[in-house]
């Protein structure tokens, strides 16, 4: 399996942070060390690579980080790396630091940059999907998704307590950008009355009908989960329009925001990150490049980065049906 041409690996995190990124960094560093490959950490994503913000890493430098949220290597979005001149500076740093390959932990923006960089300069790259959105094709789950989902569920459970006590309707917005995975699954897990996600065409009339049916069944409080990428209207506008339709409702809005990004990663995210970080190094040792390490049906798989960027995970239609059937 060994690849004698692979002498030094650089690892970076880019884009939005996700719980479990540190566990992935740890896995990359320690797997490389186990196979006698030097590893360096690049601080601040692609900006750090351009600026040469590079530090040697070994087994002890990643001690006691598996349980930490965020990323010890910091993360950033780099406008300069989107330019050919910026990528040339990054390549010059790879040459100066004898970096043979990069493990890039992040989402589709991170992978887009990695693929472009590899195609232009021939540096081997493997992506590791780190994003709470769970919208990357080629893996059943992305690093950070499970933790964010559980954070949202815990917050919604608490909101339900006050909604029940005061007979209120709460509109709760969760993260996910253009993907409704957090909204759909947290909504089912917390017994939401309605779940609005960008993957399906929602209407105000359908939402109002749901409220009317709930009224007839004697429901006195409700939770509506809204994905931040919902196209129908903003969460505040949805609440406003509902108040106009049902003036007697006591309505509140709660935007969960970035608490979903932080916190200690769940067990599932720590294990997933460890497997993907390990898999990225093994993939590089096998001579793979321009691929993303992912998990499908509990097996390590490698997907072309081009496919991971171009395609998207699809919402499970059974879950949509379940959410409607159980919302009573």
Foldseek 3Di string as FASTA:
>chain_A
DFDVVQAEEEEEEEDAFFFLLLLLVLLQQALCVVVNHWYKYQAAALVSLLVVVIGTDHNVNSPPPLFFFGHPSHYYDDPLLVDPVSLVSSVVSCVVVVHQAYEYEEALVRLVSQVVSCVVRVRFYAYAYGDLLQWFPDANGHQRVVQLLVVLLVVVLVVVVVCVVVLAEEEEEGENAQHCPSQLVSCLVNLALETAHNQDDDDLVVVVVSVVVCVVVVRRGGYYYYYCNGDHDHSVVSQVVVCVVVVVHHYDYHYPPPVSRGGTGDPVSSVQSSVQSSVRNVCVRVVDGQWYWYADPNDTDTHRSVCRNPHTDDDDVVSVVSSNVRND
